[in-house]
Every structure is written in C-alpha cells, then in structure tokens.
C-alpha cells in the first residue's frame, strides 16, 4: 500500500509533496481516533536513557525533516520517540533557490541543498512553547548564511539562548554542505571556540536553575581520519556530551542513477542507503578510537531494522531516520523501535 502511494507522490516536486503530505496527515489526525489508531500501528515503546534523558524508544527523526517544529504531534503518531528540529538559525532565512530537493529513485536516495531554510529562532521558540508531551525534542542549531565565519559563534549562542528551556538537547551543526564555508567551522580552532562558548553558557544556565541540556556535535561523513581524531579530541577537551554521526555526503561514488541526471541536479548533500557504509564506518571508528567513551547517535542509510542494529553494534545508542523513512514508510519506525542494543 505504501509503495503504491509513494508512486503517486513521486510524480510531484519533492519539496512540495513533503509539505502536502504532512499537512494532509495533520488534517487526518483531526478525525476522531485516527491519532490513537496510528500510534497503535506504528509506535513501539522501548525506553532507553541517553545522556540522562529518557527516550520512549531509540528511533528519532533526523534534523531537516521538521525544520520549524510544526509537525511534532504528527511524528509522534508515526512512532518516533524523538524529533530533532532545525537546523535553526537566529534570523529567518529562505535558504537556497528552488528546486533544491531531488530524488534518486533507483538509489533510494535524496540530494538536497536546502540551505538552512527556517522561520528563525524566535518563531520556532514560540512554537515549542506548546510542544506535545511525551516526545523528546532536540534542537539542531546553525548560523545564518550572511554571518561570516569569524562571527559564527555569536549565531550559535543566540540559538542556544532562545531554545535552551524549550528543547531537551542540542546538536551543533557545522557539517551541512549547503551553506557556503560552513564546513570550515569543523576545523579544530573555530569548532573548539563555538563549543567552549556553549558549554560555558550551559554552566551559567544550570546555576540559574534552567537545567542541564546535553550538547552534541553533528559531523560530516567526509572527514579524513586526522579530522575525526581532532573531533574526538575536541569532544574530550570541551566536554560536550556526544556526537551525531553523520550528516549527508558530498560524494557521488557508487550511485547507480544515470550520471547525466546526477550532474544535472548538481551540488547538495546526498543521503540514502548508499550512505550507510560510509557513515557507519565513521561511527565505528569513533567508538573504537574513544574506547566507547563518546555517546553516539547513528544516522545515515538506515532503511531496515538490520541496518539500525548494525549502527547499535558499532556504538550508537540511538538512531535517526530521514531518507529511509521517505522510501520505506512508518512501518520502518516500529521495526527499529523494537530493537535492543547488542
């Protein structure tokens, strides 16, 4: 049934159908008992504690799917135990020119160059003030496109301040390939400066009674071994709480889609099952190199519970879905939620 629906949806522009589908599902949830029926069909409770937070299950929705925290109830109905909103920037921004979201159907993959399109920290904070109970919400934060890298720290601080009491954890995004020069912030100097500033601010907020919010860093799958070693050192030095491995890739290696199609689409981050090995290799390396001392969320290429289980075997405590959820549907969420860590 889901595959039949998908064929119809894939006839429509990818970004347009994204919002059409979510808004239609929101309307359906207003029908009596539909929400409860969806929860029964797709939700599996399998609690796990991660960084002091009680997650209803191990399956989260990756950042980028609900950028503006508009569909939290909808994703609860589809079985997710957590949703990572954003990437949130201080000021609203349109993002890159459309079209900017593309399907590679033969590869069950997506290329996106969205460019941190979002409503801005103030509007998203207002929305989160009435967030549904029972769902863990992470705040993925970034910088505005017009902010030069030398001032990037200020943007991360603004988002951190505005969302601090409204989300359960933070993810610092310096690894998207779709904001010019953003990945340069993964270098040891600027990254340490940003993370140290957030950790220091958290100490202040905690003393003020605002609680302790874990801080994680989301990294690219395209880092060299030396760069990953630097990231591990930064985590230990700045005392942030963990890593999200990984973001999308700029590589096009191994695709079976027509080369002309891929070239026509052009730049953007690639996600989908082709990313699985690359992202899992990064995850496994970090886990082994750190002697299992860095808490990890595994993302990238998960389109079956077996693949989620492999992420768990390689050090992840939680997993997140994006492209696999698009191609496989909500049944995938429940299948993964039932897993226990090896």
Foldseek 3Di string as FASTA:
>chain_A
DLQVVLVVLVVDQPVVSLVVVLVVLVVVVVPPPPLVVLCVQFADADWDADPNDIFRFQEEADEPSAQQLPRQSVVVSLHHREYEHFQAWAAADQFDDPPFWDDQPVQLKIFGLRGRHYHHLVNSLVSLVPHDPRHAYEHEYFYHLPDDLVCGLVGLVSNCVSCVLRHQAYEYEQAFPNRPPSVVCLDLVNVLVNLLVSLVVQVVCVVVVSDHHAYEYEHALPDDPVSLVSVLVSCVVSVGAAYEFYDFDQDPPPDPGDPVVVVVSPTGGMAAQVFLVSRLVSLLCSCVVNVLRHAYEYETNDQALVSVQSSLQSRYPHYYDDSSCSNRHSNRSRRNRPDDRD
